[in-house]
Protein backbone atom coordinates (compact mmCIF):
# COMPACT_ATOMS: atom_id res chain seq x y z
CA MET A 1 -9.54 81.99 -17.04
CA ASN A 2 -8.04 80.55 -13.90
CA GLY A 3 -5.04 79.08 -15.75
CA LEU A 4 -4.54 82.37 -17.62
CA ARG A 5 -4.64 84.39 -14.33
CA VAL A 6 -2.12 82.06 -12.67
CA GLU A 7 0.34 82.16 -15.62
CA THR A 8 0.09 85.95 -15.82
CA ARG A 9 0.89 86.18 -12.14
CA ALA A 10 3.95 83.94 -12.70
CA GLU A 11 5.23 86.06 -15.54
CA SER A 12 4.76 89.29 -13.51
CA LEU A 13 6.93 88.18 -10.64
CA PRO A 14 10.10 90.25 -10.25
CA GLN A 15 13.30 88.53 -11.36
CA HIS A 16 11.34 85.58 -12.81
CA TRP A 17 14.40 83.39 -13.48
CA GLY A 18 15.84 84.20 -10.08
CA VAL A 19 12.60 82.87 -8.55
CA LEU A 20 12.93 79.64 -10.55
CA ALA A 21 16.57 79.32 -9.47
CA ILE A 22 15.52 79.50 -5.81
CA LEU A 23 12.71 77.04 -6.31
CA SER A 24 15.16 74.64 -7.99
CA THR A 25 17.51 74.91 -5.02
CA LEU A 26 14.70 74.27 -2.55
CA MET A 27 13.57 71.19 -4.53
CA GLY A 28 17.15 69.95 -4.63
CA PHE A 29 17.53 69.70 -0.85
CA ALA A 30 16.39 66.13 -0.73
CA ALA A 31 19.03 65.10 -3.23
CA ILE A 32 21.96 67.15 -1.89
CA SER A 33 21.27 66.00 1.72
CA THR A 34 22.11 62.44 0.75
CA ASP A 35 24.13 62.53 -2.46
CA LEU A 36 26.89 64.69 -1.01
CA TYR A 37 27.85 61.98 1.57
CA LEU A 38 27.35 58.87 -0.56
CA PRO A 39 31.06 58.41 -1.31
CA ALA A 40 31.79 58.67 2.42
CA MET A 41 29.44 55.86 3.50
CA PRO A 42 32.05 53.06 3.60
CA THR A 43 34.43 55.43 5.48
CA MET A 44 31.72 56.40 7.92
CA ALA A 45 30.99 52.78 8.58
CA GLY A 46 34.60 52.23 9.68
CA ALA A 47 34.80 55.46 11.71
CA LEU A 48 31.55 54.82 13.56
CA GLY A 49 32.10 51.10 14.04
CA ALA A 50 28.99 50.13 12.06
CA ASP A 51 28.25 47.49 9.42
CA THR A 52 27.00 48.14 5.94
CA GLY A 53 23.31 47.63 6.71
CA THR A 54 23.45 50.00 9.69
CA ILE A 55 25.03 52.82 7.69
CA GLU A 56 22.47 52.33 4.91
CA LEU A 57 19.79 53.03 7.59
CA THR A 58 21.02 56.69 7.65
CA VAL A 59 19.30 56.92 4.27
CA SER A 60 16.15 55.15 5.55
CA GLY A 61 16.07 57.37 8.72
CA TYR A 62 16.29 60.44 6.54
CA LEU A 63 13.36 59.26 4.46
CA VAL A 64 11.25 58.62 7.59
CA GLY A 65 11.70 62.26 8.67
CA PHE A 66 11.19 63.50 5.16
CA SER A 67 7.93 61.63 4.65
CA LEU A 68 6.43 62.61 8.04
CA GLY A 69 7.56 66.19 7.71
CA GLN A 70 5.80 66.64 4.34
CA LEU A 71 2.47 65.64 5.83
CA VAL A 72 2.70 68.52 8.30
CA TRP A 73 4.32 71.20 6.09
CA GLY A 74 1.84 70.83 3.23
CA PRO A 75 -1.31 71.90 5.14
CA VAL A 76 0.72 74.47 7.13
CA GLY A 77 1.83 75.97 3.80
CA ASP A 78 -1.78 76.05 2.51
CA ARG A 79 -2.88 77.83 5.67
CA ARG A 80 0.12 80.16 6.46
CA GLY A 81 1.64 80.75 3.13
CA ARG A 82 4.81 79.24 1.64
CA ARG A 83 7.72 81.38 2.64
CA MET A 84 7.68 81.32 6.44
CA PRO A 85 7.32 77.51 6.77
CA VAL A 86 10.22 77.08 4.40
CA ALA A 87 12.35 79.40 6.53
CA ILE A 88 11.52 77.43 9.64
CA GLY A 89 12.37 74.22 7.79
CA LEU A 90 15.75 75.53 6.75
CA VAL A 91 16.62 76.33 10.36
CA LEU A 92 15.84 72.71 11.27
CA PHE A 93 17.92 71.53 8.38
CA VAL A 94 20.92 73.52 9.58
CA LEU A 95 20.61 72.11 13.12
CA GLY A 96 20.22 68.54 11.86
CA SER A 97 23.27 68.89 9.55
CA ALA A 98 25.38 70.19 12.42
CA GLY A 99 24.23 67.30 14.62
CA CYS A 100 25.30 64.84 11.91
CA ALA A 101 28.72 66.47 11.71
CA LEU A 102 29.15 65.99 15.48
CA ALA A 103 27.67 62.49 15.71
CA GLY A 104 29.70 59.85 17.53
CA SER A 105 27.71 56.74 16.65
CA ALA A 106 25.57 55.39 13.81
CA ALA A 107 22.44 55.55 15.96
CA THR A 108 23.09 59.25 16.76
CA MET A 109 23.67 59.89 13.08
CA VAL A 110 20.29 58.30 12.16
CA GLY A 111 18.57 60.56 14.71
CA TRP A 112 20.10 63.73 13.40
CA ARG A 113 19.35 62.69 9.82
CA ILE A 114 15.66 62.56 10.83
CA VAL A 115 15.90 66.15 12.13
CA GLN A 116 17.69 67.18 8.98
CA ALA A 117 14.98 65.59 6.85
CA LEU A 118 12.12 67.24 8.78
CA GLY A 119 13.61 70.59 7.84
CA ALA A 120 14.44 69.73 4.24
CA SER A 121 10.97 68.38 3.58
CA ALA A 122 9.45 71.86 3.99
CA SER A 123 11.63 73.20 1.17
CA VAL A 124 10.76 70.42 -1.23
CA VAL A 125 7.00 70.05 -0.65
CA LEU A 126 6.35 73.79 -0.63
CA ALA A 127 8.51 74.45 -3.64
CA ARG A 128 6.33 72.02 -5.60
CA ALA A 129 3.26 73.79 -4.26
CA MET A 130 4.70 77.14 -5.41
CA VAL A 131 4.96 75.78 -8.96
CA ARG A 132 1.25 74.82 -8.75
CA ASP A 133 0.52 78.31 -7.39
CA LEU A 134 1.99 79.80 -10.57
CA TYR A 135 1.17 77.27 -13.38
CA THR A 136 -1.64 74.88 -14.40
CA GLY A 137 -2.08 71.82 -16.62
CA ASP A 138 0.65 70.75 -19.03
CA ARG A 139 2.40 74.07 -18.39
CA ALA A 140 2.84 72.97 -14.78
CA ALA A 141 4.38 69.69 -15.95
CA GLN A 142 6.63 71.58 -18.30
CA MET A 143 7.82 73.92 -15.56
CA MET A 144 8.32 71.00 -13.18
CA SER A 145 10.56 69.40 -15.79
CA THR A 146 12.52 72.62 -16.18
CA LEU A 147 13.02 72.96 -12.43
CA MET A 148 14.02 69.31 -12.12
CA THR A 149 16.55 69.82 -14.94
CA VAL A 150 18.15 72.73 -13.08
CA MET A 151 17.99 71.01 -9.68
CA ALA A 152 19.67 67.92 -11.09
CA ILE A 153 22.91 69.85 -10.88
CA ALA A 154 22.88 69.09 -7.13
CA PRO A 155 22.92 65.25 -7.40
CA LEU A 156 25.19 65.49 -10.41
CA LEU A 157 27.88 67.43 -8.48
CA GLY A 158 27.04 66.06 -5.04
CA PRO A 159 28.91 62.76 -5.05
CA ILE A 160 31.81 64.30 -6.98
CA VAL A 161 32.14 67.24 -4.55
CA GLY A 162 31.53 64.90 -1.64
CA GLY A 163 34.36 62.66 -2.75
CA GLN A 164 36.74 65.57 -2.94
CA ILE A 165 35.65 66.91 0.49
CA LEU A 166 36.20 63.42 1.92
CA ALA A 167 39.68 63.24 0.51
CA LEU A 168 40.66 66.70 1.66
CA ALA A 169 38.92 67.16 5.02
CA GLY A 170 37.15 63.90 6.07
CA TRP A 171 33.52 62.88 6.17
CA ARG A 172 32.43 65.27 8.92
CA ALA A 173 33.31 68.23 6.70
CA ILE A 174 30.58 67.08 4.27
CA PHE A 175 27.90 67.79 6.84
CA TRP A 176 29.45 71.15 7.75
CA THR A 177 29.21 71.97 4.05
CA LEU A 178 25.46 71.22 4.25
CA VAL A 179 25.23 73.66 7.21
CA GLY A 180 26.65 76.36 4.93
CA VAL A 181 24.27 75.45 2.07
CA GLY A 182 21.28 75.73 4.44
CA LEU A 183 22.39 79.12 5.75
CA ALA A 184 22.98 80.49 2.24
CA THR A 185 19.57 79.32 1.03
CA LEU A 186 17.90 80.85 4.09
CA ALA A 187 19.49 84.18 3.23
CA ALA A 188 18.34 83.93 -0.41
CA LEU A 189 14.85 83.06 0.66
CA PHE A 190 14.12 86.62 1.65
CA SER A 191 14.23 87.63 -2.03
CA LEU A 192 11.53 85.14 -2.97
CA PRO A 193 7.97 86.59 -3.22
CA GLU A 194 5.09 84.88 -1.45
CA THR A 195 3.22 82.91 -4.09
CA LEU A 196 0.13 82.24 -2.05
CA PRO A 197 -1.61 85.51 -1.06
CA ALA A 198 -3.80 85.65 2.03
CA GLY A 199 -7.01 85.60 -0.09
CA ARG A 200 -6.19 82.18 -1.57
CA ARG A 201 -5.18 80.42 1.67
CA ASN A 202 -7.10 77.57 3.21
CA ARG A 203 -8.85 78.79 6.37
CA GLU A 204 -9.76 75.39 7.77
CA PRO A 205 -8.36 74.37 11.17
CA LEU A 206 -5.04 72.53 10.76
CA GLY A 207 -6.36 69.39 12.40
CA ARG A 208 -9.23 69.16 9.96
CA ALA A 209 -6.85 69.72 7.03
CA LEU A 210 -4.68 66.90 8.24
CA GLY A 211 -7.71 64.64 8.49
CA GLU A 212 -8.52 65.15 4.83
CA TYR A 213 -5.52 63.04 3.87
CA GLY A 214 -7.74 60.07 4.42
CA LEU A 215 -10.24 61.36 1.93
CA LEU A 216 -7.54 62.22 -0.65
CA LEU A 217 -6.29 58.63 -0.32
CA ARG A 218 -9.62 57.47 -1.79
CA GLU A 219 -9.00 59.27 -5.07
CA ARG A 220 -8.02 56.51 -7.50
CA ARG A 221 -6.32 58.72 -10.05
CA LEU A 222 -4.32 60.59 -7.47
CA LEU A 223 -3.08 57.23 -6.05
CA ALA A 224 -2.14 56.04 -9.54
CA TYR A 225 0.00 59.13 -10.10
CA ALA A 226 1.53 58.87 -6.63
CA GLY A 227 2.14 55.16 -7.09
CA ALA A 228 3.95 55.65 -10.41
CA GLY A 229 6.37 58.10 -8.80
CA GLY A 230 6.40 56.23 -5.48
CA PHE A 231 7.60 52.93 -6.89
CA LEU A 232 10.29 54.77 -8.87
CA TYR A 233 11.46 56.47 -5.64
CA GLY A 234 11.69 53.01 -4.03
CA GLY A 235 14.08 51.95 -6.75
CA LEU A 236 16.02 55.22 -6.74
CA PHE A 237 16.64 55.03 -3.02
CA ALA A 238 17.52 51.38 -3.22
CA TYR A 239 20.14 52.50 -5.74
CA ILE A 240 21.29 55.42 -3.57
CA ALA A 241 21.69 53.26 -0.46
CA ALA A 242 23.37 50.26 -2.13
CA SER A 243 25.35 51.60 -5.06
CA PRO A 244 28.31 52.91 -2.96
CA PHE A 245 28.90 49.37 -1.69
CA ALA A 246 28.16 47.74 -5.07
CA TYR A 247 30.55 50.02 -6.88
CA ILE A 248 33.25 50.85 -4.23
CA THR A 249 33.28 47.67 -2.09
CA TYR A 250 32.22 44.95 -4.52
CA HIS A 251 33.72 46.28 -7.76
CA HIS A 252 36.55 48.25 -6.14
CA VAL A 253 35.77 51.58 -7.82
CA PRO A 254 37.78 54.42 -6.10
CA PRO A 255 35.51 56.75 -4.07
CA GLU A 256 36.62 59.73 -6.16
CA LEU A 257 35.40 57.98 -9.34
CA TYR A 258 32.12 56.82 -7.80
CA GLY A 259 30.78 60.33 -8.28
CA LEU A 260 31.39 60.15 -12.02
CA LEU A 261 29.42 56.93 -12.37
CA PHE A 262 26.63 58.36 -10.20
CA GLY A 263 26.73 61.62 -12.17
CA GLY A 264 26.15 59.77 -15.41
CA GLY A 265 22.64 58.90 -14.22
CA ILE A 266 21.98 62.52 -13.29
CA VAL A 267 22.98 63.65 -16.78
CA GLY A 268 20.42 61.13 -18.06
CA ILE A 269 17.74 62.66 -15.77
CA MET A 270 18.54 66.15 -17.01
CA ALA A 271 18.37 65.04 -20.69
CA ALA A 272 15.07 63.22 -20.10
CA ASN A 273 13.60 66.24 -18.35
CA VAL A 274 14.57 68.49 -21.28
CA VAL A 275 12.96 66.09 -23.70
CA ASN A 276 9.89 65.79 -21.49
CA ALA A 277 9.53 69.60 -21.26
CA ARG A 278 9.60 69.85 -25.06
CA LEU A 279 7.20 66.99 -25.74
CA VAL A 280 4.64 67.29 -22.97
CA ALA A 281 2.38 69.82 -24.77
CA ARG A 282 2.36 67.73 -27.92
CA ALA A 283 2.27 64.17 -26.56
CA GLY A 284 0.50 64.71 -23.24
CA SER A 285 1.95 64.12 -19.80
CA ASP A 286 0.17 60.83 -19.15
CA ARG A 287 1.54 59.24 -22.28
CA LEU A 288 5.09 60.27 -21.44
CA LEU A 289 4.53 58.98 -17.89
CA ARG A 290 3.61 55.53 -19.22
CA ALA A 291 6.59 55.46 -21.61
CA GLY A 292 8.98 56.41 -18.87
CA SER A 293 7.63 53.73 -16.48
CA GLN A 294 7.88 51.04 -19.14
CA SER A 295 11.52 51.97 -19.68
CA ALA A 296 12.16 51.82 -15.93
CA ALA A 297 10.59 48.32 -15.72
CA LEU A 298 12.62 46.97 -18.58
CA ALA A 299 15.89 48.39 -17.19
CA GLY A 300 15.11 46.98 -13.77
CA LEU A 301 14.64 43.48 -15.15
CA VAL A 302 17.93 43.69 -17.08
CA LEU A 303 19.69 44.93 -13.90
CA ALA A 304 18.32 42.11 -11.81
CA ALA A 305 19.55 39.49 -14.33
CA SER A 306 22.95 41.13 -14.49
CA ALA A 307 23.25 41.35 -10.73
CA TRP A 308 22.18 37.71 -10.26
CA THR A 309 24.44 36.17 -12.94
CA GLY A 310 27.38 38.65 -12.83
CA TRP A 311 26.95 39.20 -16.57
CA GLY A 312 28.81 42.26 -17.83
CA GLY A 313 30.66 42.91 -14.56
CA LEU A 314 30.58 46.56 -13.46
CA TRP A 315 29.06 47.72 -16.78
CA GLY A 316 26.30 45.18 -16.39
CA LEU A 317 25.21 47.33 -13.46
CA VAL A 318 26.06 50.80 -14.77
CA VAL A 319 24.16 50.63 -18.08
CA PRO A 320 20.71 49.40 -16.84
CA LEU A 321 21.04 51.67 -13.78
CA PHE A 322 21.63 54.61 -16.14
CA VAL A 323 18.44 53.79 -18.04
CA PHE A 324 16.40 53.28 -14.88
CA VAL A 325 17.54 56.49 -13.27
CA SER A 326 17.12 58.49 -16.51
CA SER A 327 13.54 57.32 -16.83
CA SER A 328 12.66 59.49 -13.80
CA GLY A 329 12.85 62.44 -16.08
CA PHE A 330 9.58 61.24 -17.67
CA ILE A 331 7.99 59.87 -14.54
CA LEU A 332 8.43 62.33 -11.68
CA ALA A 333 7.42 65.68 -13.23
CA ASN A 334 4.39 64.16 -14.98
CA SER A 335 3.20 62.21 -11.98
CA ILE A 336 3.49 65.18 -9.64
CA ALA A 337 1.80 67.59 -12.04
CA GLY A 338 -1.01 65.10 -12.70
CA ALA A 339 -1.68 64.54 -9.00
CA LEU A 340 -1.72 68.28 -8.32
CA SER A 341 -3.92 69.27 -11.25
CA ASP A 342 -7.33 68.38 -9.69
CA PHE A 343 -6.79 70.21 -6.39
CA PRO A 344 -5.26 73.62 -7.02
CA GLU A 345 -6.51 75.12 -3.76
CA ARG A 346 -4.97 72.24 -1.81
CA ALA A 347 -1.69 72.10 -3.66
CA GLY A 348 0.28 72.02 -0.41
CA ALA A 349 -1.62 69.11 1.06
CA VAL A 350 -1.69 67.09 -2.20
CA SER A 351 2.04 67.77 -2.75
CA ALA A 352 2.71 66.63 0.80
CA LEU A 353 0.64 63.48 0.45
CA VAL A 354 2.26 62.56 -2.89
CA GLY A 355 5.70 63.33 -1.50
CA ALA A 356 5.08 61.28 1.68
CA LEU A 357 3.92 58.28 -0.42
CA GLN A 358 6.92 58.61 -2.68
CA TYR A 359 9.49 58.95 0.06
CA GLY A 360 7.66 56.28 2.06
CA SER A 361 8.36 54.02 -0.88
CA GLY A 362 11.96 55.19 -0.70
CA ILE A 363 12.07 54.08 2.96
CA ILE A 364 10.97 50.60 1.97
CA GLY A 365 13.42 50.45 -0.96
CA SER A 366 16.43 51.58 1.00
CA ALA A 367 15.53 49.53 4.04
CA LEU A 368 15.08 46.39 1.96
CA VAL A 369 18.54 46.60 0.39
CA GLY A 370 19.96 47.27 3.86
CA THR A 371 18.11 44.29 5.36
CA LEU A 372 18.93 41.93 2.46
CA ALA A 373 22.53 43.11 2.06
CA ASP A 374 24.74 40.11 1.39
CA GLY A 375 27.87 41.73 -0.03
CA THR A 376 26.66 41.42 -3.63
CA PRO A 377 24.66 43.74 -5.97
CA TRP A 378 21.80 41.26 -6.12
CA PRO A 379 19.51 42.77 -3.41
CA MET A 380 19.83 46.14 -5.18
CA GLY A 381 18.98 44.60 -8.58
CA GLY A 382 16.01 42.63 -7.28
CA VAL A 383 14.47 45.56 -5.41
CA ILE A 384 14.90 47.92 -8.35
CA ALA A 385 13.29 45.45 -10.75
CA LEU A 386 10.20 45.09 -8.49
CA CYS A 387 9.96 48.85 -8.19
CA GLY A 388 10.17 49.38 -11.98
CA LEU A 389 7.30 46.90 -12.52
CA GLY A 390 5.23 48.58 -9.85
CA SER A 391 5.73 51.99 -11.45
CA MET A 392 4.64 50.66 -14.82
CA LEU A 393 1.47 49.06 -13.40
CA CYS A 394 0.46 52.27 -11.66
CA ALA A 395 1.07 54.42 -14.70
CA ARG A 396 -1.08 52.14 -16.81
CA THR A 397 -4.05 52.68 -14.46
CA VAL A 398 -4.11 56.52 -14.92
CA ALA A 399 -7.60 57.23 -16.17
CA ARG A 400 -7.03 59.76 -18.94
CA PRO A 401 -4.61 59.16 -21.80
CA ASP A 402 -4.13 62.87 -22.52
CA ARG A 403 -4.58 65.16 -19.61
CA ARG A 404 -4.87 68.85 -20.44
CA GLY A 405 -5.64 70.31 -17.07
CA PRO A 406 -8.62 70.15 -14.65
CA GLY A 407 -12.17 70.38 -15.91
CA PRO A 408 -15.09 72.21 -14.29
CA ARG A 409 -15.82 69.34 -11.89
CA ALA A 410 -12.19 69.12 -10.84
CA ARG A 411 -12.15 72.88 -10.07
CA ALA A 412 -15.32 72.43 -8.07
CA CYS A 413 -13.78 69.58 -6.11
CA ALA A 414 -10.75 71.79 -5.43
CA ALA A 415 -12.77 74.58 -3.83
CA PRO A 416 -12.09 75.19 -0.09
CA GLY A 417 -14.07 73.05 2.30
CA PRO A 418 -14.24 69.38 3.20
CA ILE A 419 -13.62 66.89 0.37
CA ARG A 420 -16.89 65.14 -0.25
CA ARG A 421 -16.89 61.55 -1.53
CA PRO A 422 -19.54 62.10 -4.28
CA CYS A 423 -17.37 64.86 -5.80
CA ARG A 424 -15.27 63.06 -8.43
CA PRO A 425 -13.00 65.22 -10.64
CA GLY A 426 -13.59 64.97 -14.38
């Protein structure tokens, strides 16, 4: 009855597809905040007098702010509702983007990227929680795939648009564009209904809610889901941080064409999400999660071999990277929906914890390729191979082969109040 009530509520929302469009935009903030300026990274390095590794830290700095921000915004959203925290986050995002546009050094840029990320994290973590407010079980995984397919337009167009902005107006104009995106989204937010009514909010003190992260971290299945997505994020952000230099600097791809190569992977993500949304009710989200992680691991190993030997030249990187990136269409939606399914009344906190672990892995991945940077694609290939194997191992430890939504014990565990160790879902 709970799942039926939630889905009925979702279908009764005014302008249903408009709501999904806004949620997709909010979930896309993490991607557009970085993907738009990827083609400009080599140019920024020259303009700010920084080396490759230092500029790659603008990605790591963003992930630090994004991970920490989620841990705060999740419980705040469970306690205060979704819409107001998102609005506050968008204001921070606008301020951080303006600071990046005005930055005069790489260190200043990293600082403003952290501010930008603190704001963007509210949009992403609470948009995921809104999906859990509205849907349950495999339906939640299906809707997550649908939203990720739509939001993939941002990273698809981001590097292409960013390359054109760079050519026409310089790299600072890219961050002024993000200011405009933030303001436009803030205006659209006022048409979004509140998905968490007062009667369903968590009334615990915020400090106690934050303390429950430690108890959630003891849940083995939640960690398995988070790890499957987290290792993938480590590989994705290693790719995001290193691919501009691997393609543009090492293989001499023009910055305007970099966006096309990057966009190919996004098309793969969109296609995989469409397939996942169609198959999840029939095959089960956990089975698709494992298949996607196995594909990511295999692609990572092929990429590492190509990067080490130089086999295949540019296409020896492009093809396995396409497969690795595309596999996220089967991994991310299913891992997030699986982690959220046992704790519907704490969707904000669980979404925040999962997101923090995922983007924390992204910090490690992007920092590793920056630290190990040697002018070749090998550090990127090695890091991505390790991340693919880690994702596969985590996906194989998920307890249930065919998850169909939370059972009675899971719903009992999700009830408001402290998480008690003896209470094990399912």
